[in-house]
Protein backbone atom coordinates (compact mmCIF):
# COMPACT_ATOMS: atom_id res chain seq x y z
CA MET A 1 -174.66 -100.58 272.86
CA LYS A 2 -173.25 -101.70 269.53
CA LYS A 3 -172.78 -99.50 266.49
CA THR A 4 -175.87 -97.42 267.31
CA THR A 5 -174.29 -94.09 266.37
CA ASN A 6 -174.84 -94.49 262.66
CA ASP A 7 -178.61 -94.65 263.27
CA LEU A 8 -178.76 -91.49 265.40
CA PRO A 9 -179.27 -87.97 264.01
CA VAL A 10 -176.31 -85.61 263.69
CA TYR A 11 -177.16 -82.32 265.39
CA ALA A 12 -173.75 -80.71 264.90
CA PRO A 13 -173.29 -78.32 261.94
CA VAL A 14 -172.03 -79.93 258.74
CA GLN A 15 -168.50 -79.14 257.60
CA SER A 16 -168.32 -80.24 253.98
CA ASP A 17 -164.51 -80.08 253.73
CA GLU A 18 -163.92 -82.05 256.94
CA THR A 19 -161.18 -84.68 256.85
CA MET A 20 -160.83 -87.63 259.20
CA ASP A 21 -157.65 -88.12 261.25
CA PRO A 22 -158.50 -90.73 263.92
CA ILE A 23 -156.41 -90.50 267.07
CA GLY A 24 -155.71 -94.25 266.94
CA HIS A 25 -154.05 -93.82 263.54
CA ARG A 26 -152.39 -90.45 264.19
CA ILE A 27 -150.46 -91.45 267.31
CA GLN A 28 -148.78 -94.40 265.55
CA ALA A 29 -146.36 -92.00 263.84
CA TYR A 30 -145.01 -90.84 267.19
CA SER A 31 -143.29 -94.18 267.74
CA GLN A 32 -140.97 -93.29 264.85
CA THR A 33 -140.87 -89.48 264.87
CA GLN A 34 -140.44 -89.04 268.64
CA GLY A 35 -140.11 -92.54 270.04
CA ASP A 36 -137.70 -91.50 272.81
CA LYS A 37 -139.75 -88.47 273.90
CA VAL A 38 -141.54 -88.82 277.22
CA ALA A 39 -145.27 -89.43 276.75
CA LEU A 40 -146.43 -90.07 280.33
CA ILE A 41 -145.09 -89.27 283.78
CA ASP A 42 -146.56 -90.60 286.99
CA GLU A 43 -145.33 -91.39 290.51
CA ARG A 44 -143.62 -94.53 289.15
CA GLY A 45 -141.53 -92.60 286.64
CA SER A 46 -141.84 -91.90 282.94
CA ILE A 47 -142.47 -93.86 279.75
CA THR A 48 -141.65 -92.85 276.20
CA TRP A 49 -143.96 -92.64 273.24
CA ARG A 50 -142.43 -95.84 271.86
CA GLU A 51 -143.08 -97.69 275.11
CA LEU A 52 -146.60 -96.31 275.40
CA LEU A 53 -147.52 -97.31 271.86
CA GLN A 54 -146.17 -100.82 272.33
CA GLN A 55 -148.59 -101.23 275.23
CA VAL A 56 -151.45 -99.49 273.40
CA ASN A 57 -151.11 -101.68 270.32
CA ARG A 58 -150.86 -104.88 272.36
CA ILE A 59 -154.13 -104.00 274.12
CA ALA A 60 -155.78 -103.15 270.79
CA ASN A 61 -154.66 -106.38 269.14
CA ARG A 62 -155.74 -108.47 272.12
CA LEU A 63 -159.18 -106.82 272.14
CA ARG A 64 -159.64 -107.61 268.45
CA ASP A 65 -158.42 -111.18 268.97
CA ALA A 66 -160.98 -111.54 271.79
CA GLY A 67 -163.81 -110.54 269.45
CA LEU A 68 -164.13 -106.77 269.86
CA GLU A 69 -165.72 -105.20 266.79
CA THR A 70 -165.80 -101.57 265.74
CA GLY A 71 -168.30 -99.73 267.95
CA ASP A 72 -168.25 -102.27 270.80
CA CYS A 73 -167.90 -100.83 274.30
CA VAL A 74 -164.99 -101.33 276.69
CA ALA A 75 -165.57 -100.16 280.28
CA GLY A 76 -162.83 -99.08 282.67
CA LEU A 77 -163.05 -98.59 286.44
CA SER A 78 -159.79 -97.05 287.57
CA GLU A 79 -157.99 -94.05 288.95
CA ASN A 80 -155.55 -92.26 286.60
CA THR A 81 -152.69 -94.62 285.79
CA ARG A 82 -150.45 -95.31 282.80
CA GLU A 83 -152.24 -98.63 282.27
CA TYR A 84 -155.63 -96.90 282.20
CA LEU A 85 -154.45 -94.36 279.62
CA ALA A 86 -152.99 -97.19 277.55
CA LEU A 87 -156.35 -99.01 277.77
CA TYR A 88 -158.19 -95.87 276.67
CA LEU A 89 -155.97 -95.43 273.62
CA GLY A 90 -155.85 -99.18 272.93
CA THR A 91 -159.65 -99.31 272.82
CA LEU A 92 -159.69 -96.49 270.26
CA VAL A 93 -156.96 -98.14 268.17
CA ALA A 94 -159.07 -101.31 268.16
CA GLY A 95 -162.11 -99.32 266.97
CA GLY A 96 -163.94 -99.70 270.27
CA CYS A 97 -165.95 -97.18 272.26
CA MET A 98 -164.39 -96.33 275.63
CA VAL A 99 -166.65 -96.09 278.69
CA PRO A 100 -164.75 -94.66 281.70
CA LEU A 101 -166.57 -95.30 284.99
CA SER A 102 -166.42 -93.49 288.32
CA GLY A 103 -165.13 -95.26 291.40
CA MET A 104 -167.34 -92.89 293.41
CA ALA A 105 -170.50 -94.44 291.94
CA SER A 106 -172.46 -97.11 293.80
CA ALA A 107 -172.34 -100.77 292.81
CA GLU A 108 -175.96 -100.48 291.69
CA ALA A 109 -175.25 -97.47 289.46
CA LEU A 110 -172.18 -99.14 287.95
CA THR A 111 -174.25 -102.23 287.13
CA LEU A 112 -176.79 -100.04 285.35
CA MET A 113 -174.09 -98.24 283.35
CA ILE A 114 -172.34 -101.42 282.23
CA ARG A 115 -175.61 -103.05 281.20
CA ASP A 116 -176.84 -99.86 279.54
CA CYS A 117 -173.86 -99.58 277.20
CA GLY A 118 -173.58 -103.33 276.63
CA ALA A 119 -169.87 -103.39 277.47
CA ARG A 120 -168.01 -106.37 276.04
CA PHE A 121 -165.09 -105.98 278.47
CA LEU A 122 -164.54 -104.48 281.93
CA PHE A 123 -161.11 -103.48 283.23
CA VAL A 124 -160.71 -102.78 286.96
CA SER A 125 -157.83 -101.37 289.01
CA ARG A 126 -156.73 -102.85 292.33
CA LYS A 127 -158.08 -99.79 294.15
CA ASN A 128 -161.60 -100.60 292.91
CA LEU A 129 -161.43 -104.35 293.46
CA ASP A 130 -163.71 -104.40 296.52
CA LEU A 131 -166.29 -102.24 294.74
CA TRP A 132 -166.20 -104.53 291.70
CA ARG A 133 -166.80 -107.58 293.89
CA GLU A 134 -170.08 -106.00 295.02
CA PHE A 135 -171.58 -106.08 291.53
CA ARG A 136 -169.60 -108.54 289.39
CA ASP A 137 -172.14 -111.34 289.82
CA SER A 138 -174.93 -109.08 288.55
CA LEU A 139 -173.18 -108.63 285.19
CA ASP A 140 -173.57 -110.82 282.12
CA LEU A 141 -169.84 -110.72 281.42
CA PRO A 142 -167.83 -113.96 281.62
CA ALA A 143 -164.82 -113.97 283.94
CA GLU A 144 -162.32 -113.82 281.05
CA GLN A 145 -163.81 -110.51 279.95
CA MET A 146 -163.26 -108.85 283.34
CA ILE A 147 -159.59 -108.00 283.64
CA GLY A 148 -157.44 -106.40 286.33
CA LEU A 149 -155.43 -103.40 285.15
CA ASP A 150 -152.67 -104.22 287.62
CA THR A 151 -151.57 -107.42 289.33
CA MET A 152 -154.46 -108.86 291.34
CA GLU A 153 -154.80 -111.79 293.71
CA THR A 154 -157.09 -114.28 291.96
CA GLU A 155 -158.57 -112.51 288.92
CA LEU A 156 -157.06 -112.28 285.46
CA SER A 157 -154.50 -109.45 285.32
CA LEU A 158 -153.59 -107.30 282.32
CA PRO A 159 -150.19 -108.97 281.74
CA GLU A 160 -151.80 -112.43 281.91
CA TRP A 161 -154.60 -111.38 279.59
CA LEU A 162 -152.18 -109.87 277.06
CA GLY A 163 -149.95 -112.93 276.98
CA THR A 164 -147.65 -112.88 273.95
CA VAL A 165 -149.84 -110.75 271.69
CA SER A 166 -148.02 -108.65 269.07
CA ASP A 167 -147.43 -104.90 269.36
CA ASP A 168 -147.78 -104.40 265.61
CA ALA A 169 -149.73 -101.29 264.66
CA THR A 170 -153.06 -102.36 263.14
CA PRO A 171 -155.53 -99.54 263.91
CA ALA A 172 -159.12 -100.24 262.91
CA ALA A 173 -160.89 -98.16 260.29
CA VAL A 174 -163.41 -95.76 261.81
CA SER A 175 -165.65 -93.00 260.49
CA LEU A 176 -166.87 -89.67 261.85
CA ASP A 177 -170.14 -91.40 262.76
CA ASP A 178 -168.57 -94.16 264.84
CA ALA A 179 -168.75 -94.12 268.65
CA PHE A 180 -165.68 -92.70 270.42
CA ASN A 181 -166.74 -92.75 274.08
CA ILE A 182 -169.70 -92.74 276.44
CA ILE A 183 -169.54 -90.49 279.50
CA TYR A 184 -172.05 -91.30 282.23
CA SER A 185 -173.57 -88.70 284.51
CA SER A 186 -172.73 -89.01 288.17
CA GLY A 187 -175.93 -90.80 289.08
CA THR A 188 -176.60 -88.52 292.07
CA THR A 189 -179.95 -87.45 290.59
CA GLY A 190 -181.29 -90.84 289.49
CA THR A 191 -180.37 -93.34 286.80
CA PRO A 192 -177.13 -92.22 285.13
CA LYS A 193 -177.41 -91.03 281.53
CA GLY A 194 -174.85 -92.13 278.98
CA ILE A 195 -173.64 -89.25 276.81
CA LEU A 196 -172.55 -90.64 273.45
CA HIS A 197 -169.73 -88.85 271.64
CA ASP A 198 -168.80 -89.81 268.09
CA TYR A 199 -165.50 -89.22 266.32
CA ARG A 200 -166.89 -86.03 264.81
CA PHE A 201 -167.35 -84.59 268.32
CA ARG A 202 -163.87 -85.48 269.57
CA GLN A 203 -162.03 -84.79 266.31
CA ARG A 204 -163.32 -81.22 266.19
CA GLN A 205 -162.66 -80.69 269.89
CA MET A 206 -159.07 -81.94 269.69
CA VAL A 207 -158.27 -79.65 266.78
CA ARG A 208 -159.86 -76.63 268.51
CA MET A 209 -158.13 -77.21 271.85
CA ALA A 210 -154.73 -77.42 270.15
CA ARG A 211 -155.10 -73.69 269.49
CA PHE A 212 -154.79 -73.18 273.24
CA GLY A 213 -151.29 -74.63 273.06
CA LEU A 214 -152.16 -78.28 273.76
CA ASP A 215 -149.73 -79.41 271.07
CA ASP A 216 -146.48 -81.39 270.85
CA HIS A 217 -144.72 -78.87 273.12
CA ALA A 218 -147.30 -79.10 275.90
CA ILE A 219 -146.54 -80.65 279.28
CA ASN A 220 -150.02 -81.08 280.72
CA LEU A 221 -150.53 -81.83 284.44
CA VAL A 222 -153.67 -83.97 284.84
CA SER A 223 -155.28 -84.00 288.29
CA THR A 224 -158.95 -84.77 287.58
CA PRO A 225 -160.31 -88.27 286.78
CA LEU A 226 -160.59 -89.72 283.30
CA TYR A 227 -164.31 -90.47 283.64
CA SER A 228 -164.93 -86.71 283.58
CA ASN A 229 -165.22 -84.84 280.30
CA THR A 230 -163.36 -82.01 282.06
CA THR A 231 -160.26 -84.20 281.99
CA LEU A 232 -160.68 -85.51 278.45
CA VAL A 233 -161.01 -82.00 277.01
CA SER A 234 -157.31 -81.42 277.70
CA VAL A 235 -155.91 -84.97 277.81
CA LEU A 236 -157.06 -86.06 274.35
CA PRO A 237 -155.66 -83.05 272.43
CA THR A 238 -152.33 -83.43 274.26
CA LEU A 239 -152.08 -87.07 273.18
CA PHE A 240 -153.46 -86.37 269.71
CA ASN A 241 -150.67 -83.85 269.12
CA GLY A 242 -147.84 -85.83 270.73
CA GLY A 243 -147.40 -83.80 273.93
CA THR A 244 -146.56 -85.06 277.42
CA LEU A 245 -148.94 -85.87 280.27
CA VAL A 246 -148.04 -85.71 283.96
CA ILE A 247 -150.79 -87.69 285.69
CA MET A 248 -151.92 -87.69 289.31
CA ALA A 249 -153.91 -90.65 290.61
CA ARG A 250 -155.32 -88.41 293.34
CA PHE A 251 -155.31 -84.62 293.59
CA ASP A 252 -153.28 -83.03 296.35
CA ALA A 253 -152.63 -79.28 296.15
CA HIS A 254 -149.09 -79.32 297.51
CA ARG A 255 -148.08 -82.31 295.38
CA PHE A 256 -149.55 -80.54 292.34
CA LEU A 257 -147.15 -77.64 292.91
CA GLU A 258 -144.20 -79.98 293.39
CA LEU A 259 -144.93 -81.81 290.12
CA ALA A 260 -145.53 -78.56 288.24
CA GLU A 261 -142.14 -77.22 289.30
CA GLN A 262 -140.27 -80.51 288.82
CA HIS A 263 -141.54 -81.21 285.30
CA ARG A 264 -141.76 -77.62 284.03
CA VAL A 265 -145.47 -77.96 283.37
CA THR A 266 -146.97 -75.66 280.72
CA HIS A 267 -150.70 -76.46 280.95
CA ALA A 268 -153.33 -77.72 283.38
CA MET A 269 -157.09 -78.12 283.33
CA LEU A 270 -158.48 -77.42 286.80
CA VAL A 271 -161.87 -76.91 288.43
CA PRO A 272 -162.58 -73.88 290.65
CA VAL A 273 -162.13 -75.62 294.01
CA GLN A 274 -158.67 -76.79 292.90
CA TYR A 275 -157.60 -73.21 292.16
CA GLN A 276 -158.72 -72.23 295.65
CA ARG A 277 -156.86 -75.09 297.32
CA ILE A 278 -153.66 -74.60 295.32
CA LEU A 279 -153.54 -70.85 295.96
CA ALA A 280 -154.17 -71.49 299.67
CA VAL A 281 -151.07 -73.71 300.04
CA PRO A 282 -149.00 -71.84 302.66
CA ASP A 283 -145.74 -71.93 300.69
CA PHE A 284 -147.33 -71.46 297.24
CA ASP A 285 -145.10 -68.50 296.43
CA ARG A 286 -141.87 -70.44 296.83
CA PHE A 287 -142.59 -72.72 293.89
CA ASP A 288 -141.17 -71.89 290.46
CA LEU A 289 -144.20 -71.94 288.17
CA SER A 290 -142.66 -69.79 285.43
CA SER A 291 -143.05 -72.58 282.83
CA PHE A 292 -146.86 -72.24 282.84
CA GLU A 293 -148.30 -70.86 279.62
CA LEU A 294 -151.99 -71.44 280.22
CA LYS A 295 -154.31 -72.77 282.87
CA LEU A 296 -157.83 -73.84 281.92
CA CYS A 297 -160.88 -73.91 284.18
CA THR A 298 -164.27 -75.56 283.72
CA SER A 299 -167.13 -77.41 285.48
CA ALA A 300 -168.36 -74.25 287.25
CA PRO A 301 -167.76 -70.48 286.94
CA LEU A 302 -164.46 -69.36 288.48
CA ARG A 303 -164.99 -66.51 290.93
CA ALA A 304 -163.54 -63.15 289.96
CA ASP A 305 -161.59 -62.85 293.23
CA VAL A 306 -159.93 -66.24 292.60
CA ILE A 307 -159.06 -65.21 289.03
CA ALA A 308 -157.50 -61.99 290.36
CA ASP A 309 -155.41 -63.89 292.91
CA ALA A 310 -154.23 -66.45 290.34
CA MET A 311 -153.43 -63.83 287.70
CA ARG A 312 -151.36 -61.92 290.25
CA ARG A 313 -149.42 -64.82 291.75
CA TRP A 314 -149.40 -67.65 289.17
CA PRO A 315 -147.54 -67.14 285.87
CA GLY A 316 -149.38 -67.75 282.61
CA ASN A 317 -152.84 -66.82 281.45
CA ILE A 318 -156.17 -68.37 282.52
CA ARG A 319 -158.90 -69.38 280.09
CA GLU A 320 -162.24 -70.22 281.57
CA VAL A 321 -164.21 -72.71 279.48
CA TYR A 322 -167.97 -73.12 279.85
CA GLY A 323 -169.72 -76.03 278.22
CA LEU A 324 -171.69 -79.21 278.66
CA THR A 325 -170.47 -82.79 278.45
CA GLU A 326 -173.22 -83.10 275.84
CA GLY A 327 -171.61 -80.31 273.79
CA GLY A 328 -173.55 -77.59 272.00
CA ILE A 329 -172.71 -74.96 274.64
CA SER A 330 -169.17 -73.64 274.21
CA THR A 331 -167.71 -70.36 275.49
CA SER A 332 -164.28 -69.18 276.54
CA LEU A 333 -163.02 -66.26 278.62
CA ASP A 334 -159.48 -64.98 278.01
CA CYS A 335 -158.79 -63.61 281.47
CA ALA A 336 -155.72 -61.60 280.49
CA ALA A 337 -157.54 -59.86 277.62
CA HIS A 338 -160.76 -59.10 279.50
CA PRO A 339 -160.12 -58.22 283.16
CA ASP A 340 -163.42 -56.31 283.24
CA LYS A 341 -165.38 -59.48 282.36
CA TRP A 342 -164.14 -61.87 285.03
CA ASP A 343 -167.69 -62.39 286.34
CA SER A 344 -168.64 -63.83 282.95
CA VAL A 345 -167.75 -67.12 281.25
CA GLY A 346 -166.66 -65.34 278.08
CA VAL A 347 -167.96 -65.40 274.53
CA PRO A 348 -168.95 -68.24 272.18
CA THR A 349 -166.00 -70.18 270.78
CA GLU A 350 -165.36 -70.65 267.07
CA GLY A 351 -168.37 -72.28 265.42
CA ALA A 352 -170.63 -71.88 268.49
CA GLU A 353 -173.85 -69.90 268.83
CA ILE A 354 -175.46 -69.06 272.18
CA ARG A 355 -178.99 -67.77 272.77
CA VAL A 356 -181.24 -67.20 275.79
CA ILE A 357 -184.87 -68.37 275.85
CA ASP A 358 -187.84 -67.95 278.19
CA GLU A 359 -190.10 -70.61 279.73
CA GLU A 360 -192.14 -70.80 276.53
CA GLY A 361 -189.07 -71.29 274.35
CA ARG A 362 -189.05 -67.77 272.91
CA GLU A 363 -185.72 -66.11 272.29
CA LEU A 364 -184.95 -63.20 274.63
CA PRO A 365 -183.00 -60.03 273.78
CA ARG A 366 -179.58 -59.31 275.25
CA GLY A 367 -179.63 -58.38 278.90
CA GLU A 368 -182.70 -60.43 279.79
CA ILE A 369 -182.43 -63.53 281.97
CA GLY A 370 -183.50 -66.94 280.71
CA GLU A 371 -182.22 -70.43 279.95
CA ILE A 372 -179.02 -70.63 277.95
CA VAL A 373 -179.17 -72.76 274.80
CA GLY A 374 -176.38 -73.42 272.38
CA ARG A 375 -175.25 -74.95 269.12
CA ALA A 376 -171.61 -75.75 268.37
CA ILE A 377 -169.34 -77.82 266.16
CA SER A 378 -169.18 -80.55 268.86
CA MET A 379 -172.57 -81.99 269.84
CA MET A 380 -173.34 -85.43 271.29
CA ARG A 381 -175.32 -87.94 269.27
CA GLY A 382 -177.71 -88.44 272.17
CA TYR A 383 -178.21 -90.19 275.50
CA VAL A 384 -177.69 -93.92 275.12
CA ASN A 385 -181.03 -95.78 274.89
CA ARG A 386 -182.92 -92.66 276.01
CA PRO A 387 -184.53 -90.99 272.99
CA GLU A 388 -187.15 -89.22 275.12
CA GLN A 389 -184.55 -87.60 277.39
CA THR A 390 -182.52 -86.65 274.33
CA ALA A 391 -185.58 -84.97 272.82
CA GLU A 392 -186.23 -83.04 276.04
CA MET A 393 -182.82 -81.41 275.70
CA LEU A 394 -183.44 -80.04 272.22
CA TRP A 395 -184.63 -76.55 271.29
CA THR A 396 -185.24 -75.73 267.63
CA SER A 397 -184.68 -72.16 266.53
CA PRO A 398 -187.06 -70.29 264.20
CA GLU A 399 -184.45 -70.96 261.47
CA GLY A 400 -184.79 -74.73 262.05
CA ASP A 401 -181.40 -75.27 263.74
CA VAL A 402 -181.20 -77.61 266.74
CA PHE A 403 -179.74 -76.18 269.95
CA TYR A 404 -179.04 -77.96 273.25
CA ARG A 405 -180.69 -76.69 276.42
CA SER A 406 -178.14 -76.12 279.19
CA GLY A 407 -180.43 -76.04 282.22
CA ASP A 408 -178.47 -72.92 283.26
CA MET A 409 -180.07 -69.54 283.79
CA GLY A 410 -178.09 -66.60 282.50
CA ARG A 411 -177.90 -63.56 280.29
CA ILE A 412 -175.80 -62.11 277.46
CA ASP A 413 -174.48 -58.56 277.89
CA GLU A 414 -174.18 -55.85 275.25
CA ASP A 415 -170.67 -57.06 274.33
CA GLY A 416 -171.76 -60.67 273.81
CA PHE A 417 -170.31 -62.04 277.09
CA ILE A 418 -172.32 -64.76 278.82
CA TYR A 419 -173.11 -64.66 282.55
CA ILE A 420 -174.26 -67.77 284.46
CA LEU A 421 -176.66 -67.12 287.33
CA ASP A 422 -177.88 -70.52 288.48
CA ARG A 423 -179.01 -73.95 287.46
CA ARG A 424 -182.63 -73.72 286.38
CA LYS A 425 -183.57 -76.42 288.90
CA ASP A 426 -181.66 -74.57 291.65
CA MET A 427 -183.33 -71.20 291.07
CA ILE A 428 -185.22 -70.05 294.15
CA ILE A 429 -188.76 -68.74 293.60
CA SER A 430 -189.77 -66.80 296.70
CA GLY A 431 -193.09 -64.98 296.80
CA GLY A 432 -193.22 -65.10 293.00
CA PHE A 433 -189.76 -63.53 292.59
CA ASN A 434 -186.85 -65.36 290.94
CA ILE A 435 -183.76 -65.39 293.17
CA TYR A 436 -180.42 -66.49 291.73
CA ALA A 437 -178.14 -68.05 294.32
CA VAL A 438 -174.97 -66.74 292.68
CA ASP A 439 -176.02 -63.14 293.39
CA LEU A 440 -176.37 -63.88 297.11
CA GLU A 441 -173.22 -65.99 297.20
CA LYS A 442 -171.17 -63.16 295.69
CA ILE A 443 -172.32 -60.81 298.43
CA LEU A 444 -171.43 -63.27 301.19
CA LEU A 445 -168.03 -64.05 299.65
CA GLY A 446 -167.26 -60.36 300.03
CA HIS A 447 -167.18 -60.77 303.81
CA PRO A 448 -163.65 -61.39 305.13
CA ALA A 449 -164.83 -64.27 307.35
CA VAL A 450 -166.40 -66.34 304.53
CA ALA A 451 -164.28 -69.05 302.91
CA ASP A 452 -167.05 -70.85 301.02
CA VAL A 453 -170.81 -70.59 300.68
CA ALA A 454 -173.81 -72.20 299.01
CA VAL A 455 -177.27 -70.64 298.96
CA ILE A 456 -180.24 -72.97 298.61
CA GLY A 457 -184.03 -72.65 298.74
CA ILE A 458 -185.82 -74.12 301.75
CA PRO A 459 -189.58 -74.43 302.44
CA SER A 460 -191.46 -71.36 303.68
CA ASP A 461 -195.14 -71.31 304.68
CA HIS A 462 -195.34 -67.63 303.78
CA TRP A 463 -193.18 -67.41 300.61
CA GLY A 464 -193.24 -70.96 299.24
CA GLU A 465 -189.48 -71.12 299.55
CA THR A 466 -186.86 -68.80 300.93
CA PRO A 467 -183.05 -68.56 300.63
CA LEU A 468 -180.75 -70.11 303.22
CA ALA A 469 -176.97 -69.55 303.24
CA LEU A 470 -174.70 -72.44 304.24
CA VAL A 471 -171.34 -70.88 305.10
CA VAL A 472 -167.85 -72.23 305.72
CA ARG A 473 -165.93 -69.72 307.84
CA LYS A 474 -162.25 -68.94 307.47
CA ASP A 475 -160.02 -70.27 310.23
CA GLY A 476 -159.90 -67.98 313.22
CA SER A 477 -162.95 -65.90 312.36
CA GLY A 478 -165.34 -65.14 315.21
CA GLU A 479 -168.46 -63.89 313.45
CA SER A 480 -171.72 -65.50 314.45
CA GLU A 481 -174.46 -66.70 312.13
CA ALA A 482 -176.57 -63.71 313.19
CA ASP A 483 -173.69 -61.31 312.42
CA LEU A 484 -173.35 -62.62 308.87
CA LEU A 485 -177.10 -62.68 308.30
CA ASP A 486 -177.43 -59.04 309.32
CA TRP A 487 -174.37 -58.00 307.27
CA ALA A 488 -175.61 -59.76 304.12
CA ASN A 489 -179.21 -58.62 304.32
CA GLN A 490 -178.12 -55.00 304.59
CA ARG A 491 -176.53 -55.43 301.15
CA LEU A 492 -179.21 -57.54 299.45
CA GLY A 493 -182.38 -56.38 297.76
CA LYS A 494 -185.66 -56.68 299.63
CA THR A 495 -186.77 -59.73 297.62
CA GLN A 496 -183.37 -61.43 297.99
CA ARG A 497 -182.95 -61.36 301.74
CA LEU A 498 -181.76 -64.50 303.49
CA ALA A 499 -183.95 -66.29 305.99
CA ALA A 500 -180.95 -67.59 307.88
CA VAL A 501 -177.24 -68.38 307.84
CA GLU A 502 -175.98 -71.79 309.00
CA PHE A 503 -172.32 -72.71 309.48
CA ARG A 504 -170.86 -75.88 307.98
CA ASP A 505 -167.39 -77.37 308.30
CA GLU A 506 -167.34 -78.01 304.55
CA LEU A 507 -169.67 -78.22 301.56
CA PRO A 508 -170.27 -81.53 299.78
CA ARG A 509 -168.71 -81.58 296.33
CA SER A 510 -168.49 -83.98 293.42
CA THR A 511 -165.13 -85.41 292.40
CA ILE A 512 -164.70 -82.49 289.98
CA GLY A 513 -165.55 -79.86 292.57
CA LYS A 514 -169.21 -79.02 291.95
CA VAL A 515 -171.20 -78.20 295.09
CA LEU A 516 -173.90 -80.85 295.48
CA LYS A 517 -176.85 -78.56 296.14
CA ARG A 518 -179.38 -81.35 295.80
CA GLU A 519 -177.66 -83.09 298.72
CA LEU A 520 -177.78 -79.87 300.72
CA ARG A 521 -181.47 -79.25 299.99
CA THR A 522 -182.78 -82.77 300.63
CA PRO A 523 -182.91 -82.68 304.48
CA TYR A 524 -184.99 -79.49 304.39
CA TRP A 525 -187.54 -80.77 301.88
CA GLU A 526 -187.97 -84.34 303.12
CA ALA A 527 -191.22 -84.94 304.91
CA PRO A 528 -190.72 -85.53 308.67
CA ASN A 529 -191.23 -89.05 309.93
CA PRO A 530 -194.72 -89.58 311.42
């Protein structure tokens, strides 16, 4: 992929008075205005803004010297480290498009992603060295364009690659239409799709998120990986505004609390399963978390009972954010202001419009259930090299505006709050009735023995498919599967009743905490071996 953004349509609303303030240019001032302020903290210690920018600018200058042009892609395969953050910023300063890759992806998927975006360079951490060796020979990249982010045994390391390059600030000129980053889907449902964000997307997002306090006073604890848009939504505004990041290479609930107390953390972006694990730490209440101003949550709806527990025991407000990596869908729930709406994901954010449509693409009135579509100030330019899949995501309103389809089923209440019921592909159709797993899961989570649950549809000769509950019990509970089945079905509607309950030790989740329902369903739908 090389400078393709300028040829793609802009679906985001036009803002005629918009000014450009590229992050690669903006952060240069921090070397002078707050050079001695801490920019990054990790397990190795802290580095100042001056030290960070010296590294960032050296990477940028070396990339340009090695032939990187504006819009060229730079791929990174690494856990969260100071070097990886410096690479991310250095790529942007050089005018490149950053492509963060997941170390959880297969060698085959990573090969497809790197080829798909046409990456000019690949940077790999020591932790991912063995994975890289599985696919390096399938790439078209020469050895000198595959660099180790830390000292490595035989391959070119970052210090060796940088050599004596200058740390002078020479940020490349970029426009709102230029590529900022490509985020690839997980690849668990087929060939990964590259979601292309331009500067317009990120610029608007960084400005908007600063209103949540992600500014120069923020101390933001980062515990999710950089290849996830969940992480970037809070990391980029913090850097853009000269705040401080505390980064974890790997999430651990107890260590999170230690770092939060030690560094007087003010903000964190977390996913629902992290809230559950942090609040379940046995000595949670002994930690001083009084510095927290705001905690953000995204990737999946946060359960009302978890919100209640966090609001009671964890200082600072919670804002739930619902959106797509593709953009277009954007809502926010202020949990302190709306305790009666904790089952929702809030209302559309500034500049966003949300509607609900039926199977034929007709808009539905408030209260009716359909697919959620949205239009917002931040909207991707498209899936890389996939115009047909991009087109499938679009819905055009009667007024001629382009909205993005979310794939989520939901409704909008009389006050304008949005409720998510299920993924469209996960909706269970039993005997002609639509069953939304979230409704059944909420009932089961009301039982004192249930720690976690996922409801999926399994084959049924009589109904086509029927709901099955996969339950993780709380430690020490003695209820049987039959006990829970009877208890739940007494509380469910006739068309919702569960066919069975099965116990599991844990539920499979993605690296950002989403339950992998496709993985759960597959064994039930696969044809038996002859």
